[in-house]
Amino acid sequence: MPETAELTELRDLWDEQQARSLGNNQLAALRYRSNLLGADLRITNFGGGNTSSKFELPDPFSGAPVRVLAVKGSGGDIGSITESGFAILYLERLEQLKNLEFFINSIHVMAGATALEDGPAPEHVPQARTRNRRRSSFITRAGCLHQG
């Protein structure tokens, strides 16, 4: 059996020219990738799907670059989310919470998720970008195709 197979039912919606037009705007790139994942309702349910990305943004108070985690969580439509729909969290502050097991478990309970269902919380994943894998393992592979 070959290691790779040609996809016959899913189209690659990636538009290299549109992606390049985003320049170094990492939040816009996250929005673009998220919208593509939500464009095919066989992959994500309407109103569902989670994506996140870690990158630097200027701190709104000091102007200094800070590492952030931008998260599209449950409750919004991944196919139509705009840049303002992502929660922007200071990654350094989240890192400080790593040792607070109670806090992390509470987040999963409040979000109605379990570690088995959603995987580890995105702030604990070393990769810069993560995708929700709830619908199928396809999402993980599709989310990694165009991460520059």
C-alpha atoms as a PDB file:
ATOM      1  CA  MET A   1       0.000   0.000   0.000  1.00  0.00           C
ATOM      2  CA  PRO A   2       1.459   3.426  -0.907  1.00  0.00           C
ATOM      3  CA  GLU A   3       2.267   5.836   1.919  1.00  0.00           C
ATOM      4  CA  THR A   4       0.401   8.699   0.262  1.00  0.00           C
ATOM      5  CA  ALA A   5      -2.819   8.709  -1.672  1.00  0.00           C
ATOM      6  CA  GLU A   6      -4.316  11.295  -3.964  1.00  0.00           C
ATOM      7  CA  LEU A   7      -7.365  13.003  -2.496  1.00  0.00           C
ATOM      8  CA  THR A   8     -10.281  12.530  -4.836  1.00  0.00           C
ATOM      9  CA  GLU A   9     -13.112  14.050  -2.832  1.00  0.00           C
ATOM     10  CA  LEU A  10     -11.529  16.994  -1.016  1.00  0.00           C
ATOM     11  CA  ARG A  11     -10.199  19.985  -2.879  1.00  0.00           C
ATOM     12  CA  ASP A  12      -7.135  21.929  -1.847  1.00  0.00           C
ATOM     13  CA  LEU A  13      -8.592  25.423  -1.284  1.00  0.00           C
ATOM     14  CA  TRP A  14      -5.240  27.030  -0.512  1.00  0.00           C
ATOM     15  CA  ASP A  15      -4.588  30.110  -2.652  1.00  0.00           C
ATOM     16  CA  GLU A  16      -0.868  30.893  -2.560  1.00  0.00           C
ATOM     17  CA  GLN A  17      -1.389  34.414  -3.908  1.00  0.00           C
ATOM     18  CA  GLN A  18      -3.951  35.215  -1.225  1.00  0.00           C
ATOM     19  CA  ALA A  19      -1.713  33.712   1.463  1.00  0.00           C
ATOM     20  CA  ARG A  20       1.257  35.804   0.269  1.00  0.00           C
ATOM     21  CA  SER A  21      -0.910  38.932   0.295  1.00  0.00           C
ATOM     22  CA  LEU A  22      -1.202  38.544   4.084  1.00  0.00           C
ATOM     23  CA  GLY A  23       2.522  39.231   4.418  1.00  0.00           C
ATOM     24  CA  ASN A  24       3.808  38.659   7.944  1.00  0.00           C
ATOM     25  CA  ASN A  25       0.410  39.225   9.558  1.00  0.00           C
ATOM     26  CA  GLN A  26       0.248  36.013  11.586  1.00  0.00           C
ATOM     27  CA  LEU A  27      -3.256  36.688  12.900  1.00  0.00           C
ATOM     28  CA  ALA A  28      -4.556  37.158   9.355  1.00  0.00           C
ATOM     29  CA  ALA A  29      -2.803  33.935   8.337  1.00  0.00           C
ATOM     30  CA  LEU A  30      -4.478  32.073  11.214  1.00  0.00           C
ATOM     31  CA  ARG A  31      -7.843  33.477  10.142  1.00  0.00           C
ATOM     32  CA  TYR A  32      -7.196  32.399   6.540  1.00  0.00           C
ATOM     33  CA  ARG A  33      -6.228  28.836   7.539  1.00  0.00           C
ATOM     34  CA  SER A  34      -9.179  28.626   9.917  1.00  0.00           C
ATOM     35  CA  ASN A  35     -11.648  29.811   7.292  1.00  0.00           C
ATOM     36  CA  LEU A  36     -10.339  27.199   4.858  1.00  0.00           C
ATOM     37  CA  LEU A  37     -10.830  24.414   7.414  1.00  0.00           C
ATOM     38  CA  GLY A  38     -14.391  25.613   8.002  1.00  0.00           C
ATOM     39  CA  ALA A  39     -15.199  25.948   4.309  1.00  0.00           C
ATOM     40  CA  ASP A  40     -15.962  22.235   3.947  1.00  0.00           C
ATOM     41  CA  LEU A  41     -18.670  21.078   6.358  1.00  0.00           C
ATOM     42  CA  ARG A  42     -17.516  17.491   5.922  1.00  0.00           C
ATOM     43  CA  ILE A  43     -14.425  18.471   7.920  1.00  0.00           C
ATOM     44  CA  THR A  44     -15.862  20.766  10.597  1.00  0.00           C
ATOM     45  CA  ASN A  45     -19.398  21.266  11.842  1.00  0.00           C
ATOM     46  CA  PHE A  46     -20.946  24.697  11.361  1.00  0.00           C
ATOM     47  CA  GLY A  47     -20.251  26.654  14.524  1.00  0.00           C
ATOM     48  CA  GLY A  48     -17.470  24.272  15.503  1.00  0.00           C
ATOM     49  CA  GLY A  49     -13.780  23.691  15.122  1.00  0.00           C
ATOM     50  CA  ASN A  50     -10.888  25.093  17.109  1.00  0.00           C
ATOM     51  CA  THR A  51      -7.609  26.532  15.890  1.00  0.00           C
ATOM     52  CA  SER A  52      -4.746  28.313  17.559  1.00  0.00           C
ATOM     53  CA  SER A  53      -1.373  29.776  16.717  1.00  0.00           C
ATOM     54  CA  LYS A  54       1.566  31.165  18.687  1.00  0.00           C
ATOM     55  CA  PHE A  55       3.363  34.242  17.399  1.00  0.00           C
ATOM     56  CA  GLU A  56       4.589  37.697  18.405  1.00  0.00           C
ATOM     57  CA  LEU A  57       2.443  40.829  18.469  1.00  0.00           C
ATOM     58  CA  PRO A  58       3.211  44.302  19.789  1.00  0.00           C
ATOM     59  CA  ASP A  59       2.037  44.656  23.375  1.00  0.00           C
ATOM     60  CA  PRO A  60      -0.817  47.202  23.320  1.00  0.00           C
ATOM     61  CA  PHE A  61       0.555  48.874  26.455  1.00  0.00           C
ATOM     62  CA  SER A  62       4.304  49.023  25.826  1.00  0.00           C
ATOM     63  CA  GLY A  63       4.613  48.415  22.089  1.00  0.00           C
ATOM     64  CA  ALA A  64       7.274  45.774  22.792  1.00  0.00           C
ATOM     65  CA  PRO A  65       6.906  42.458  20.973  1.00  0.00           C
ATOM     66  CA  VAL A  66       5.320  39.755  23.142  1.00  0.00           C
ATOM     67  CA  ARG A  67       4.647  36.091  22.453  1.00  0.00           C
ATOM     68  CA  VAL A  68       0.906  35.386  22.307  1.00  0.00           C
ATOM     69  CA  LEU A  69      -1.459  32.492  21.776  1.00  0.00           C
ATOM     70  CA  ALA A  70      -4.370  33.337  19.484  1.00  0.00           C
ATOM     71  CA  VAL A  71      -7.272  30.921  20.001  1.00  0.00           C
ATOM     72  CA  LYS A  72     -10.510  30.285  18.154  1.00  0.00           C
ATOM     73  CA  GLY A  73     -12.374  28.260  20.732  1.00  0.00           C
ATOM     74  CA  SER A  74     -15.759  26.615  20.752  1.00  0.00           C
ATOM     75  CA  GLY A  75     -18.891  28.591  20.058  1.00  0.00           C
ATOM     76  CA  GLY A  76     -18.013  30.462  16.886  1.00  0.00           C
ATOM     77  CA  ASP A  77     -17.991  29.417  13.260  1.00  0.00           C
ATOM     78  CA  ILE A  78     -14.491  28.590  12.037  1.00  0.00           C
ATOM     79  CA  GLY A  79     -15.535  29.142   8.425  1.00  0.00           C
ATOM     80  CA  SER A  80     -16.487  32.776   8.937  1.00  0.00           C
ATOM     81  CA  ILE A  81     -14.403  33.897  11.919  1.00  0.00           C
ATOM     82  CA  THR A  82     -12.679  37.255  11.515  1.00  0.00           C
ATOM     83  CA  GLU A  83      -9.441  38.343  13.138  1.00  0.00           C
ATOM     84  CA  SER A  84     -11.369  40.039  15.947  1.00  0.00           C
ATOM     85  CA  GLY A  85     -12.973  36.687  16.842  1.00  0.00           C
ATOM     86  CA  PHE A  86      -9.744  35.193  18.187  1.00  0.00           C
ATOM     87  CA  ALA A  87      -8.874  35.436  21.868  1.00  0.00           C
ATOM     88  CA  ILE A  88      -5.323  36.784  22.229  1.00  0.00           C
ATOM     89  CA  LEU A  89      -3.570  35.525  25.356  1.00  0.00           C
ATOM     90  CA  TYR A  90      -0.145  36.403  26.716  1.00  0.00           C
ATOM     91  CA  LEU A  91       1.822  33.162  26.362  1.00  0.00           C
ATOM     92  CA  GLU A  92       4.177  34.051  29.229  1.00  0.00           C
ATOM     93  CA  ARG A  93       1.201  34.349  31.588  1.00  0.00           C
ATOM     94  CA  LEU A  94      -0.184  31.009  30.412  1.00  0.00           C
ATOM     95  CA  GLU A  95       3.204  29.379  30.946  1.00  0.00           C
ATOM     96  CA  GLN A  96       3.067  30.515  34.578  1.00  0.00           C
ATOM     97  CA  LEU A  97      -0.099  28.439  35.018  1.00  0.00           C
ATOM     98  CA  LYS A  98       1.489  25.157  33.897  1.00  0.00           C
ATOM     99  CA  ASN A  99       2.053  23.975  37.441  1.00  0.00           C
ATOM    100  CA  LEU A 100      -1.488  24.738  38.521  1.00  0.00           C
ATOM    101  CA  GLU A 101      -3.101  21.399  37.676  1.00  0.00           C
ATOM    102  CA  PHE A 102      -6.385  22.441  39.290  1.00  0.00           C
ATOM    103  CA  PHE A 103      -6.634  25.505  37.053  1.00  0.00           C
ATOM    104  CA  ILE A 104      -5.988  23.524  33.867  1.00  0.00           C
ATOM    105  CA  ASN A 105      -8.531  20.858  34.808  1.00  0.00           C
ATOM    106  CA  SER A 106     -11.056  23.606  35.590  1.00  0.00           C
ATOM    107  CA  ILE A 107     -10.570  25.123  32.134  1.00  0.00           C
ATOM    108  CA  HIS A 108     -11.370  21.773  30.520  1.00  0.00           C
ATOM    109  CA  VAL A 109     -14.471  21.355  32.692  1.00  0.00           C
ATOM    110  CA  MET A 110     -15.709  24.899  32.023  1.00  0.00           C
ATOM    111  CA  ALA A 111     -15.168  24.415  28.295  1.00  0.00           C
ATOM    112  CA  GLY A 112     -17.117  21.165  28.392  1.00  0.00           C
ATOM    113  CA  ALA A 113     -14.104  19.283  27.066  1.00  0.00           C
ATOM    114  CA  THR A 114     -11.954  16.460  28.268  1.00  0.00           C
ATOM    115  CA  ALA A 115      -8.314  15.883  27.532  1.00  0.00           C
ATOM    116  CA  LEU A 116      -9.293  12.722  25.673  1.00  0.00           C
ATOM    117  CA  GLU A 117     -11.769  14.623  23.505  1.00  0.00           C
ATOM    118  CA  ASP A 118      -9.734  17.713  22.608  1.00  0.00           C
ATOM    119  CA  GLY A 119      -6.169  16.687  23.314  1.00  0.00           C
ATOM    120  CA  PRO A 120      -3.852  18.812  25.411  1.00  0.00           C
ATOM    121  CA  ALA A 121      -4.611  22.460  25.941  1.00  0.00           C
ATOM    122  CA  PRO A 122      -2.874  24.490  23.189  1.00  0.00           C
ATOM    123  CA  GLU A 123      -0.603  26.372  25.593  1.00  0.00           C
ATOM    124  CA  HIS A 124       0.992  23.023  26.495  1.00  0.00           C
ATOM    125  CA  VAL A 125       1.713  22.014  22.903  1.00  0.00           C
ATOM    126  CA  PRO A 126       5.198  23.063  21.770  1.00  0.00           C
ATOM    127  CA  GLN A 127       4.208  23.498  18.104  1.00  0.00           C
ATOM    128  CA  ALA A 128       3.265  26.995  17.010  1.00  0.00           C
ATOM    129  CA  ARG A 129      -0.040  25.910  15.462  1.00  0.00           C
ATOM    130  CA  THR A 130      -2.636  23.389  16.557  1.00  0.00           C
ATOM    131  CA  ARG A 131      -5.919  22.133  15.156  1.00  0.00           C
ATOM    132  CA  ASN A 132      -8.886  20.448  16.796  1.00  0.00           C
ATOM    133  CA  ARG A 133      -8.981  16.786  15.850  1.00  0.00           C
ATOM    134  CA  ARG A 134     -12.547  16.012  16.864  1.00  0.00           C
ATOM    135  CA  ARG A 135     -14.100  15.374  13.421  1.00  0.00           C
ATOM    136  CA  SER A 136     -11.322  13.111  12.162  1.00  0.00           C
ATOM    137  CA  SER A 137      -7.591  12.761  11.953  1.00  0.00           C
ATOM    138  CA  PHE A 138      -7.861  14.463   8.570  1.00  0.00           C
ATOM    139  CA  ILE A 139      -8.018  17.857  10.250  1.00  0.00           C
ATOM    140  CA  THR A 140      -4.611  17.391  11.834  1.00  0.00           C
ATOM    141  CA  ARG A 141      -3.068  16.521   8.481  1.00  0.00           C
ATOM    142  CA  ALA A 142      -4.926  19.262   6.593  1.00  0.00           C
ATOM    143  CA  GLY A 143      -3.976  21.855   9.164  1.00  0.00           C
ATOM    144  CA  CYS A 144      -0.297  21.092   8.707  1.00  0.00           C
ATOM    145  CA  LEU A 145      -0.201  21.239   4.915  1.00  0.00           C
ATOM    146  CA  HIS A 146       0.307  24.972   4.569  1.00  0.00           C
ATOM    147  CA  GLN A 147       2.016  26.212   7.707  1.00  0.00           C
ATOM    148  CA  GLY A 148       4.908  27.901   5.932  1.00  0.00           C
END
